[in-house]
Amino acid sequence: MPSFQTRLKITGLKPGNPPEAVMAAAVEALETRHHVESNQIELSAGVPQLNLRFLVEATEYGGENQQARESAAMMRDAVERVALTGALTVLRRNRGRWAPV
């Protein structure tokens, strides 16, 4: 099964939401369609960034990439209910390296 990673910058919390609600929303959204392998929050240039790794059912290369992009967009929509977001990146693991899709 192909492995993908999303990176989503978080620029702020919406009022009334605790910080842990951000990752919970992201994981919950992705888990509706895929197996989430890992999730973590990192600082990128001083800005919090969600990093989630997930598996997509193997079909054909372009379809897998499209499914990963759609799932990442769905995850971002879920996160935007509790937080303000910035850039979203979707990467695919190819031969041990992460490459944008």
PDB file of N, CA and C in Angstrom:
ATOM      1  N   MET A   1       0.842  -1.182   0.000  1.00  0.00           N
ATOM      2  CA  MET A   1       0.000   0.000   0.000  1.00  0.00           C
ATOM      3  C   MET A   1       0.883   1.238   0.000  1.00  0.00           C
ATOM      4  N   PRO A   2       0.599   2.187  -0.874  1.00  0.00           N
ATOM      5  CA  PRO A   2       1.398   3.415  -0.924  1.00  0.00           C
ATOM      6  C   PRO A   2       1.253   4.258   0.346  1.00  0.00           C
ATOM      7  N   SER A   3       2.356   4.852   0.748  1.00  0.00           N
ATOM      8  CA  SER A   3       2.386   5.695   1.940  1.00  0.00           C
ATOM      9  C   SER A   3       2.427   7.163   1.530  1.00  0.00           C
ATOM     10  N   PHE A   4       1.580   7.961   2.173  1.00  0.00           N
ATOM     11  CA  PHE A   4       1.498   9.390   1.906  1.00  0.00           C
ATOM     12  C   PHE A   4       1.664  10.151   3.212  1.00  0.00           C
ATOM     13  N   GLN A   5       1.997  11.427   3.087  1.00  0.00           N
ATOM     14  CA  GLN A   5       2.147  12.296   4.250  1.00  0.00           C
ATOM     15  C   GLN A   5       1.505  13.650   3.927  1.00  0.00           C
ATOM     16  N   THR A   6       0.784  14.169   4.905  1.00  0.00           N
ATOM     17  CA  THR A   6       0.268  15.530   4.777  1.00  0.00           C
ATOM     18  C   THR A   6       1.009  16.404   5.770  1.00  0.00           C
ATOM     19  N   ARG A   7       1.228  17.638   5.363  1.00  0.00           N
ATOM     20  CA  ARG A   7       1.820  18.650   6.252  1.00  0.00           C
ATOM     21  C   ARG A   7       0.909  19.866   6.176  1.00  0.00           C
ATOM     22  N   LEU A   8       0.349  20.228   7.321  1.00  0.00           N
ATOM     23  CA  LEU A   8      -0.590  21.343   7.368  1.00  0.00           C
ATOM     24  C   LEU A   8      -0.154  22.334   8.439  1.00  0.00           C
ATOM     25  N   LYS A   9       0.101  23.548   8.021  1.00  0.00           N
ATOM     26  CA  LYS A   9       0.495  24.605   8.969  1.00  0.00           C
ATOM     27  C   LYS A   9      -0.735  25.083   9.730  1.00  0.00           C
ATOM     28  N   ILE A  10      -0.559  25.329  11.029  1.00  0.00           N
ATOM     29  CA  ILE A  10      -1.615  25.824  11.903  1.00  0.00           C
ATOM     30  C   ILE A  10      -1.217  27.222  12.350  1.00  0.00           C
ATOM     31  N   THR A  11      -2.046  28.202  12.006  1.00  0.00           N
ATOM     32  CA  THR A  11      -1.699  29.582  12.316  1.00  0.00           C
ATOM     33  C   THR A  11      -2.427  30.132  13.536  1.00  0.00           C
ATOM     34  N   GLY A  12      -3.382  29.374  14.076  1.00  0.00           N
ATOM     35  CA  GLY A  12      -4.077  29.820  15.274  1.00  0.00           C
ATOM     36  C   GLY A  12      -5.226  28.891  15.620  1.00  0.00           C
ATOM     37  N   LEU A  13      -5.722  29.036  16.839  1.00  0.00           N
ATOM     38  CA  LEU A  13      -6.891  28.272  17.300  1.00  0.00           C
ATOM     39  C   LEU A  13      -8.135  29.139  17.198  1.00  0.00           C
ATOM     40  N   LYS A  14      -9.248  28.523  16.877  1.00  0.00           N
ATOM     41  CA  LYS A  14     -10.514  29.249  16.922  1.00  0.00           C
ATOM     42  C   LYS A  14     -10.980  29.276  18.371  1.00  0.00           C
ATOM     43  N   PRO A  15     -11.667  30.341  18.791  1.00  0.00           N
ATOM     44  CA  PRO A  15     -12.075  30.482  20.192  1.00  0.00           C
ATOM     45  C   PRO A  15     -12.834  29.260  20.701  1.00  0.00           C
ATOM     46  N   GLY A  16     -12.509  28.892  21.932  1.00  0.00           N
ATOM     47  CA  GLY A  16     -13.198  27.806  22.606  1.00  0.00           C
ATOM     48  C   GLY A  16     -12.661  26.420  22.296  1.00  0.00           C
ATOM     49  N   ASN A  17     -11.581  26.308  21.520  1.00  0.00           N
ATOM     50  CA  ASN A  17     -11.022  25.008  21.167  1.00  0.00           C
ATOM     51  C   ASN A  17      -9.655  24.822  21.812  1.00  0.00           C
ATOM     52  N   PRO A  18      -9.454  23.698  22.494  1.00  0.00           N
ATOM     53  CA  PRO A  18      -8.150  23.426  23.091  1.00  0.00           C
ATOM     54  C   PRO A  18      -7.161  22.980  22.006  1.00  0.00           C
ATOM     55  N   PRO A  19      -5.879  23.138  22.225  1.00  0.00           N
ATOM     56  CA  PRO A  19      -4.877  22.747  21.227  1.00  0.00           C
ATOM     57  C   PRO A  19      -4.991  21.293  20.769  1.00  0.00           C
ATOM     58  N   GLU A  20      -5.326  20.390  21.682  1.00  0.00           N
ATOM     59  CA  GLU A  20      -5.396  18.969  21.316  1.00  0.00           C
ATOM     60  C   GLU A  20      -6.534  18.666  20.332  1.00  0.00           C
ATOM     61  N   ALA A  21      -7.507  19.567  20.219  1.00  0.00           N
ATOM     62  CA  ALA A  21      -8.618  19.370  19.283  1.00  0.00           C
ATOM     63  C   ALA A  21      -8.153  19.426  17.835  1.00  0.00           C
ATOM     64  N   VAL A  22      -7.039  20.091  17.582  1.00  0.00           N
ATOM     65  CA  VAL A  22      -6.537  20.224  16.215  1.00  0.00           C
ATOM     66  C   VAL A  22      -6.093  18.861  15.677  1.00  0.00           C
ATOM     67  N   MET A  23      -5.218  18.184  16.394  1.00  0.00           N
ATOM     68  CA  MET A  23      -4.749  16.872  15.945  1.00  0.00           C
ATOM     69  C   MET A  23      -5.881  15.856  15.957  1.00  0.00           C
ATOM     70  N   ALA A  24      -6.740  15.934  16.957  1.00  0.00           N
ATOM     71  CA  ALA A  24      -7.864  14.999  17.021  1.00  0.00           C
ATOM     72  C   ALA A  24      -8.751  15.120  15.783  1.00  0.00           C
ATOM     73  N   ALA A  25      -9.020  16.344  15.356  1.00  0.00           N
ATOM     74  CA  ALA A  25      -9.845  16.555  14.162  1.00  0.00           C
ATOM     75  C   ALA A  25      -9.147  16.012  12.920  1.00  0.00           C
ATOM     76  N   ALA A  26      -7.844  16.224  12.817  1.00  0.00           N
ATOM     77  CA  ALA A  26      -7.084  15.759  11.654  1.00  0.00           C
ATOM     78  C   ALA A  26      -7.079  14.232  11.572  1.00  0.00           C
ATOM     79  N   VAL A  27      -6.756  13.576  12.660  1.00  0.00           N
ATOM     80  CA  VAL A  27      -6.690  12.115  12.678  1.00  0.00           C
ATOM     81  C   VAL A  27      -8.068  11.516  12.423  1.00  0.00           C
ATOM     82  N   GLU A  28      -9.085  12.043  13.083  1.00  0.00           N
ATOM     83  CA  GLU A  28     -10.441  11.526  12.917  1.00  0.00           C
ATOM     84  C   GLU A  28     -10.887  11.614  11.454  1.00  0.00           C
ATOM     85  N   ALA A  29     -10.598  12.719  10.807  1.00  0.00           N
ATOM     86  CA  ALA A  29     -10.999  12.885   9.403  1.00  0.00           C
ATOM     87  C   ALA A  29     -10.274  11.895   8.493  1.00  0.00           C
ATOM     88  N   LEU A  30      -8.958  11.748   8.655  1.00  0.00           N
ATOM     89  CA  LEU A  30      -8.215  10.820   7.797  1.00  0.00           C
ATOM     90  C   LEU A  30      -8.585   9.370   8.055  1.00  0.00           C
ATOM     91  N   GLU A  31      -8.873   9.032   9.309  1.00  0.00           N
ATOM     92  CA  GLU A  31      -9.205   7.648   9.646  1.00  0.00           C
ATOM     93  C   GLU A  31     -10.528   7.188   9.046  1.00  0.00           C
ATOM     94  N   THR A  32     -11.358   8.119   8.582  1.00  0.00           N
ATOM     95  CA  THR A  32     -12.607   7.703   7.941  1.00  0.00           C
ATOM     96  C   THR A  32     -12.339   7.043   6.595  1.00  0.00           C
ATOM     97  N   ARG A  33     -11.147   7.288   6.007  1.00  0.00           N
ATOM     98  CA  ARG A  33     -10.833   6.745   4.677  1.00  0.00           C
ATOM     99  C   ARG A  33      -9.563   5.904   4.622  1.00  0.00           C
ATOM    100  N   HIS A  34      -8.648   6.100   5.573  1.00  0.00           N
ATOM    101  CA  HIS A  34      -7.333   5.462   5.481  1.00  0.00           C
ATOM    102  C   HIS A  34      -6.826   5.033   6.854  1.00  0.00           C
ATOM    103  N   HIS A  35      -5.817   4.171   6.817  1.00  0.00           N
ATOM    104  CA  HIS A  35      -5.103   3.818   8.045  1.00  0.00           C
ATOM    105  C   HIS A  35      -4.051   4.902   8.295  1.00  0.00           C
ATOM    106  N   VAL A  36      -4.133   5.569   9.438  1.00  0.00           N
ATOM    107  CA  VAL A  36      -3.156   6.602   9.808  1.00  0.00           C
ATOM    108  C   VAL A  36      -2.004   5.907  10.529  1.00  0.00           C
ATOM    109  N   GLU A  37      -0.816   5.984   9.923  1.00  0.00           N
ATOM    110  CA  GLU A  37       0.364   5.318  10.473  1.00  0.00           C
ATOM    111  C   GLU A  37       0.984   6.099  11.620  1.00  0.00           C
ATOM    112  N   SER A  38       1.016   7.434  11.491  1.00  0.00           N
ATOM    113  CA  SER A  38       1.601   8.249  12.551  1.00  0.00           C
ATOM    114  C   SER A  38       1.094   9.672  12.439  1.00  0.00           C
ATOM    115  N   ASN A  39       1.210  10.393  13.544  1.00  0.00           N
ATOM    116  CA  ASN A  39       0.840  11.807  13.560  1.00  0.00           C
ATOM    117  C   ASN A  39       1.707  12.520  14.583  1.00  0.00           C
ATOM    118  N   GLN A  40       2.102  13.730  14.231  1.00  0.00           N
ATOM    119  CA  GLN A  40       2.912  14.537  15.149  1.00  0.00           C
ATOM    120  C   GLN A  40       2.779  16.005  14.786  1.00  0.00           C
ATOM    121  N   ILE A  41       3.149  16.839  15.736  1.00  0.00           N
ATOM    122  CA  ILE A  41       3.183  18.279  15.517  1.00  0.00           C
ATOM    123  C   ILE A  41       4.642  18.702  15.589  1.00  0.00           C
ATOM    124  N   GLU A  42       5.077  19.456  14.592  1.00  0.00           N
ATOM    125  CA  GLU A  42       6.440  19.988  14.564  1.00  0.00           C
ATOM    126  C   GLU A  42       6.381  21.492  14.388  1.00  0.00           C
ATOM    127  N   LEU A  43       7.466  22.148  14.687  1.00  0.00           N
ATOM    128  CA  LEU A  43       7.587  23.575  14.395  1.00  0.00           C
ATOM    129  C   LEU A  43       8.373  23.725  13.106  1.00  0.00           C
ATOM    130  N   SER A  44       7.815  24.468  12.166  1.00  0.00           N
ATOM    131  CA  SER A  44       8.474  24.748  10.896  1.00  0.00           C
ATOM    132  C   SER A  44       8.567  26.265  10.765  1.00  0.00           C
ATOM    133  N   ALA A  45       9.771  26.785  10.858  1.00  0.00           N
ATOM    134  CA  ALA A  45       9.995  28.234  10.849  1.00  0.00           C
ATOM    135  C   ALA A  45       9.165  28.923  11.937  1.00  0.00           C
ATOM    136  N   GLY A  46       9.053  28.267  13.098  1.00  0.00           N
ATOM    137  CA  GLY A  46       8.329  28.833  14.225  1.00  0.00           C
ATOM    138  C   GLY A  46       6.820  28.676  14.163  1.00  0.00           C
ATOM    139  N   VAL A  47       6.310  27.998  13.134  1.00  0.00           N
ATOM    140  CA  VAL A  47       4.861  27.803  12.972  1.00  0.00           C
ATOM    141  C   VAL A  47       4.535  26.332  13.187  1.00  0.00           C
ATOM    142  N   PRO A  48       3.533  26.023  14.040  1.00  0.00           N
ATOM    143  CA  PRO A  48       3.154  24.624  14.240  1.00  0.00           C
ATOM    144  C   PRO A  48       2.678  24.004  12.918  1.00  0.00           C
ATOM    145  N   GLN A  49       3.063  22.746  12.722  1.00  0.00           N
ATOM    146  CA  GLN A  49       2.689  22.031  11.512  1.00  0.00           C
ATOM    147  C   GLN A  49       2.284  20.614  11.884  1.00  0.00           C
ATOM    148  N   LEU A  50       1.096  20.200  11.427  1.00  0.00           N
ATOM    149  CA  LEU A  50       0.653  18.825  11.616  1.00  0.00           C
ATOM    150  C   LEU A  50       1.292  17.966  10.544  1.00  0.00           C
ATOM    151  N   ASN A  51       1.850  16.844  10.930  1.00  0.00           N
ATOM    152  CA  ASN A  51       2.391  15.862   9.989  1.00  0.00           C
ATOM    153  C   ASN A  51       1.681  14.544  10.248  1.00  0.00           C
ATOM    154  N   LEU A  52       0.945  14.071   9.247  1.00  0.00           N
ATOM    155  CA  LEU A  52       0.243  12.797   9.368  1.00  0.00           C
ATOM    156  C   LEU A  52       0.657  11.897   8.226  1.00  0.00           C
ATOM    157  N   ARG A  53       1.004  10.662   8.548  1.00  0.00           N
ATOM    158  CA  ARG A  53       1.357   9.674   7.535  1.00  0.00           C
ATOM    159  C   ARG A  53       0.227   8.659   7.459  1.00  0.00           C
ATOM    160  N   PHE A  54      -0.192   8.329   6.223  1.00  0.00           N
ATOM    161  CA  PHE A  54      -1.314   7.410   6.046  1.00  0.00           C
ATOM    162  C   PHE A  54      -1.125   6.548   4.808  1.00  0.00           C
ATOM    163  N   LEU A  55      -1.854   5.438   4.764  1.00  0.00           N
ATOM    164  CA  LEU A  55      -1.781   4.499   3.649  1.00  0.00           C
ATOM    165  C   LEU A  55      -3.011   4.637   2.771  1.00  0.00           C
ATOM    166  N   VAL A  56      -2.802   4.498   1.462  1.00  0.00           N
ATOM    167  CA  VAL A  56      -3.892   4.529   0.490  1.00  0.00           C
ATOM    168  C   VAL A  56      -3.961   3.154  -0.158  1.00  0.00           C
ATOM    169  N   GLU A  57      -5.155   2.646  -0.342  1.00  0.00           N
ATOM    170  CA  GLU A  57      -5.344   1.353  -1.000  1.00  0.00           C
ATOM    171  C   GLU A  57      -4.703   1.389  -2.380  1.00  0.00           C
ATOM    172  N   ALA A  58      -3.931   0.362  -2.702  1.00  0.00           N
ATOM    173  CA  ALA A  58      -3.231   0.306  -3.987  1.00  0.00           C
ATOM    174  C   ALA A  58      -4.216   0.089  -5.135  1.00  0.00           C
ATOM    175  N   THR A  59      -4.165   0.975  -6.114  1.00  0.00           N
ATOM    176  CA  THR A  59      -4.973   0.844  -7.330  1.00  0.00           C
ATOM    177  C   THR A  59      -4.055   1.168  -8.506  1.00  0.00           C
ATOM    178  N   GLU A  60      -4.101   2.400  -8.983  1.00  0.00           N
ATOM    179  CA  GLU A  60      -3.168   2.862 -10.004  1.00  0.00           C
ATOM    180  C   GLU A  60      -2.578   4.188  -9.536  1.00  0.00           C
ATOM    181  N   TYR A  61      -1.371   4.475  -9.985  1.00  0.00           N
ATOM    182  CA  TYR A  61      -0.568   5.576  -9.455  1.00  0.00           C
ATOM    183  C   TYR A  61      -1.325   6.909  -9.393  1.00  0.00           C
ATOM    184  N   GLY A  62      -1.901   7.335 -10.505  1.00  0.00           N
ATOM    185  CA  GLY A  62      -2.606   8.614 -10.532  1.00  0.00           C
ATOM    186  C   GLY A  62      -3.821   8.629  -9.628  1.00  0.00           C
ATOM    187  N   GLY A  63      -4.544   7.533  -9.580  1.00  0.00           N
ATOM    188  CA  GLY A  63      -5.720   7.436  -8.709  1.00  0.00           C
ATOM    189  C   GLY A  63      -5.358   7.473  -7.238  1.00  0.00           C
ATOM    190  N   GLU A  64      -4.251   6.835  -6.905  1.00  0.00           N
ATOM    191  CA  GLU A  64      -3.784   6.850  -5.514  1.00  0.00           C
ATOM    192  C   GLU A  64      -3.419   8.275  -5.099  1.00  0.00           C
ATOM    193  N   ASN A  65      -2.725   8.977  -5.984  1.00  0.00           N
ATOM    194  CA  ASN A  65      -2.348  10.366  -5.692  1.00  0.00           C
ATOM    195  C   ASN A  65      -3.586  11.241  -5.534  1.00  0.00           C
ATOM    196  N   GLN A  66      -4.555  11.060  -6.420  1.00  0.00           N
ATOM    197  CA  GLN A  66      -5.788  11.852  -6.346  1.00  0.00           C
ATOM    198  C   GLN A  66      -6.529  11.581  -5.042  1.00  0.00           C
ATOM    199  N   GLN A  67      -6.602  10.317  -4.664  1.00  0.00           N
ATOM    200  CA  GLN A  67      -7.271   9.954  -3.422  1.00  0.00           C
ATOM    201  C   GLN A  67      -6.570  10.583  -2.217  1.00  0.00           C
ATOM    202  N   ALA A  68      -5.232  10.610  -2.239  1.00  0.00           N
ATOM    203  CA  ALA A  68      -4.467  11.216  -1.142  1.00  0.00           C
ATOM    204  C   ALA A  68      -4.722  12.719  -1.076  1.00  0.00           C
ATOM    205  N   ARG A  69      -4.750  13.389  -2.241  1.00  0.00           N
ATOM    206  CA  ARG A  69      -5.021  14.830  -2.252  1.00  0.00           C
ATOM    207  C   ARG A  69      -6.427  15.132  -1.736  1.00  0.00           C
ATOM    208  N   GLU A  70      -7.403  14.339  -2.164  1.00  0.00           N
ATOM    209  CA  GLU A  70      -8.782  14.547  -1.709  1.00  0.00           C
ATOM    210  C   GLU A  70      -8.898  14.328  -0.200  1.00  0.00           C
ATOM    211  N   SER A  71      -8.236  13.307   0.291  1.00  0.00           N
ATOM    212  CA  SER A  71      -8.272  13.021   1.728  1.00  0.00           C
ATOM    213  C   SER A  71      -7.599  14.127   2.530  1.00  0.00           C
ATOM    214  N   ALA A  72      -6.496  14.650   2.015  1.00  0.00           N
ATOM    215  CA  ALA A  72      -5.809  15.749   2.696  1.00  0.00           C
ATOM    216  C   ALA A  72      -6.699  16.991   2.740  1.00  0.00           C
ATOM    217  N   ALA A  73      -7.408  17.259   1.655  1.00  0.00           N
ATOM    218  CA  ALA A  73      -8.325  18.411   1.626  1.00  0.00           C
ATOM    219  C   ALA A  73      -9.464  18.210   2.624  1.00  0.00           C
ATOM    220  N   MET A  74      -9.972  16.989   2.719  1.00  0.00           N
ATOM    221  CA  MET A  74     -11.029  16.673   3.676  1.00  0.00           C
ATOM    222  C   MET A  74     -10.522  16.858   5.114  1.00  0.00           C
ATOM    223  N   MET A  75      -9.278  16.435   5.346  1.00  0.00           N
ATOM    224  CA  MET A  75      -8.671  16.585   6.671  1.00  0.00           C
ATOM    225  C   MET A  75      -8.532  18.070   7.006  1.00  0.00           C
ATOM    226  N   ARG A  76      -8.096  18.861   6.025  1.00  0.00           N
ATOM    227  CA  ARG A  76      -7.951  20.299   6.254  1.00  0.00           C
ATOM    228  C   ARG A  76      -9.301  20.933   6.602  1.00  0.00           C
ATOM    229  N   ASP A  77     -10.353  20.550   5.894  1.00  0.00           N
ATOM    230  CA  ASP A  77     -11.698  21.068   6.194  1.00  0.00           C
ATOM    231  C   ASP A  77     -12.084  20.772   7.636  1.00  0.00           C
ATOM    232  N   ALA A  78     -11.787  19.564   8.104  1.00  0.00           N
ATOM    233  CA  ALA A  78     -12.113  19.184   9.483  1.00  0.00           C
ATOM    234  C   ALA A  78     -11.316  20.025  10.481  1.00  0.00           C
ATOM    235  N   VAL A  79     -10.037  20.234  10.201  1.00  0.00           N
ATOM    236  CA  VAL A  79      -9.180  21.019  11.096  1.00  0.00           C
ATOM    237  C   VAL A  79      -9.638  22.474  11.132  1.00  0.00           C
ATOM    238  N   GLU A  80     -10.107  22.983  10.002  1.00  0.00           N
ATOM    239  CA  GLU A  80     -10.525  24.395   9.947  1.00  0.00           C
ATOM    240  C   GLU A  80     -11.770  24.681  10.794  1.00  0.00           C
ATOM    241  N   ARG A  81     -12.425  23.658  11.289  1.00  0.00           N
ATOM    242  CA  ARG A  81     -13.540  23.877  12.226  1.00  0.00           C
ATOM    243  C   ARG A  81     -13.035  24.309  13.598  1.00  0.00           C
ATOM    244  N   VAL A  82     -11.768  23.959  13.903  1.00  0.00           N
ATOM    245  CA  VAL A  82     -11.219  24.273  15.225  1.00  0.00           C
ATOM    246  C   VAL A  82      -9.995  25.176  15.190  1.00  0.00           C
ATOM    247  N   ALA A  83      -9.411  25.361  14.001  1.00  0.00           N
ATOM    248  CA  ALA A  83      -8.165  26.133  13.915  1.00  0.00           C
ATOM    249  C   ALA A  83      -8.075  26.882  12.591  1.00  0.00           C
ATOM    250  N   LEU A  84      -7.188  27.853  12.572  1.00  0.00           N
ATOM    251  CA  LEU A  84      -6.861  28.565  11.341  1.00  0.00           C
ATOM    252  C   LEU A  84      -5.670  27.853  10.711  1.00  0.00           C
ATOM    253  N   THR A  85      -5.720  27.649   9.397  1.00  0.00           N
ATOM    254  CA  THR A  85      -4.669  26.878   8.751  1.00  0.00           C
ATOM    255  C   THR A  85      -3.918  27.698   7.708  1.00  0.00           C
ATOM    256  N   GLY A  86      -2.751  27.203   7.378  1.00  0.00           N
ATOM    257  CA  GLY A  86      -1.918  27.781   6.331  1.00  0.00           C
ATOM    258  C   GLY A  86      -1.715  26.761   5.233  1.00  0.00           C
ATOM    259  N   ALA A  87      -0.489  26.669   4.753  1.00  0.00           N
ATOM    260  CA  ALA A  87      -0.159  25.808   3.616  1.00  0.00           C
ATOM    261  C   ALA A  87      -0.393  24.328   3.927  1.00  0.00           C
ATOM    262  N   LEU A  88      -0.916  23.621   2.918  1.00  0.00           N
ATOM    263  CA  LEU A  88      -1.115  22.169   2.971  1.00  0.00           C
ATOM    264  C   LEU A  88      -0.244  21.542   1.895  1.00  0.00           C
ATOM    265  N   THR A  89       0.534  20.531   2.283  1.00  0.00           N
ATOM    266  CA  THR A  89       1.376  19.799   1.346  1.00  0.00           C
ATOM    267  C   THR A  89       1.033  18.322   1.437  1.00  0.00           C
ATOM    268  N   VAL A  90       1.012  17.650   0.291  1.00  0.00           N
ATOM    269  CA  VAL A  90       0.795  16.203   0.255  1.00  0.00           C
ATOM    270  C   VAL A  90       2.016  15.581  -0.418  1.00  0.00           C
ATOM    271  N   LEU A  91       2.595  14.593   0.244  1.00  0.00           N
ATOM    272  CA  LEU A  91       3.795  13.920  -0.246  1.00  0.00           C
ATOM    273  C   LEU A  91       3.550  12.422  -0.373  1.00  0.00           C
ATOM    274  N   ARG A  92       4.241  11.798  -1.324  1.00  0.00           N
ATOM    275  CA  ARG A  92       4.167  10.350  -1.503  1.00  0.00           C
ATOM    276  C   ARG A  92       5.565   9.780  -1.325  1.00  0.00           C
ATOM    277  N   ARG A  93       5.627   8.639  -0.659  1.00  0.00           N
ATOM    278  CA  ARG A  93       6.923   7.982  -0.462  1.00  0.00           C
ATOM    279  C   ARG A  93       7.234   7.141  -1.693  1.00  0.00           C
ATOM    280  N   ASN A  94       8.354   7.469  -2.327  1.00  0.00           N
ATOM    281  CA  ASN A  94       8.841   6.745  -3.506  1.00  0.00           C
ATOM    282  C   ASN A  94      10.284   6.350  -3.279  1.00  0.00           C
ATOM    283  N   ARG A  95      10.538   5.057  -3.216  1.00  0.00           N
ATOM    284  CA  ARG A  95      11.915   4.551  -3.069  1.00  0.00           C
ATOM    285  C   ARG A  95      12.644   5.205  -1.911  1.00  0.00           C
ATOM    286  N   GLY A  96      11.974   5.312  -0.778  1.00  0.00           N
ATOM    287  CA  GLY A  96      12.594   5.835   0.432  1.00  0.00           C
ATOM    288  C   GLY A  96      12.639   7.345   0.547  1.00  0.00           C
ATOM    289  N   ARG A  97      12.066   8.060  -0.439  1.00  0.00           N
ATOM    290  CA  ARG A  97      12.076   9.531  -0.389  1.00  0.00           C
ATOM    291  C   ARG A  97      10.649  10.046  -0.475  1.00  0.00           C
ATOM    292  N   TRP A  98      10.428  11.214   0.136  1.00  0.00           N
ATOM    293  CA  TRP A  98       9.124  11.876   0.066  1.00  0.00           C
ATOM    294  C   TRP A  98       9.133  12.881  -1.073  1.00  0.00           C
ATOM    295  N   ALA A  99       8.133  12.765  -1.966  1.00  0.00           N
ATOM    296  CA  ALA A  99       8.042  13.674  -3.106  1.00  0.00           C
ATOM    297  C   ALA A  99       6.629  14.252  -3.172  1.00  0.00           C
ATOM    298  N   PRO A 100       6.504  15.531  -3.508  1.00  0.00           N
ATOM    299  CA  PRO A 100       5.169  16.153  -3.615  1.00  0.00           C
ATOM    300  C   PRO A 100       4.322  15.475  -4.696  1.00  0.00           C
ATOM    301  N   VAL A 101       3.016  15.412  -4.431  1.00  0.00           N
ATOM    302  CA  VAL A 101       2.080  14.898  -5.447  1.00  0.00           C
ATOM    303  C   VAL A 101       1.205  16.016  -5.961  1.00  0.00           C
TER     304      VAL A 101
END
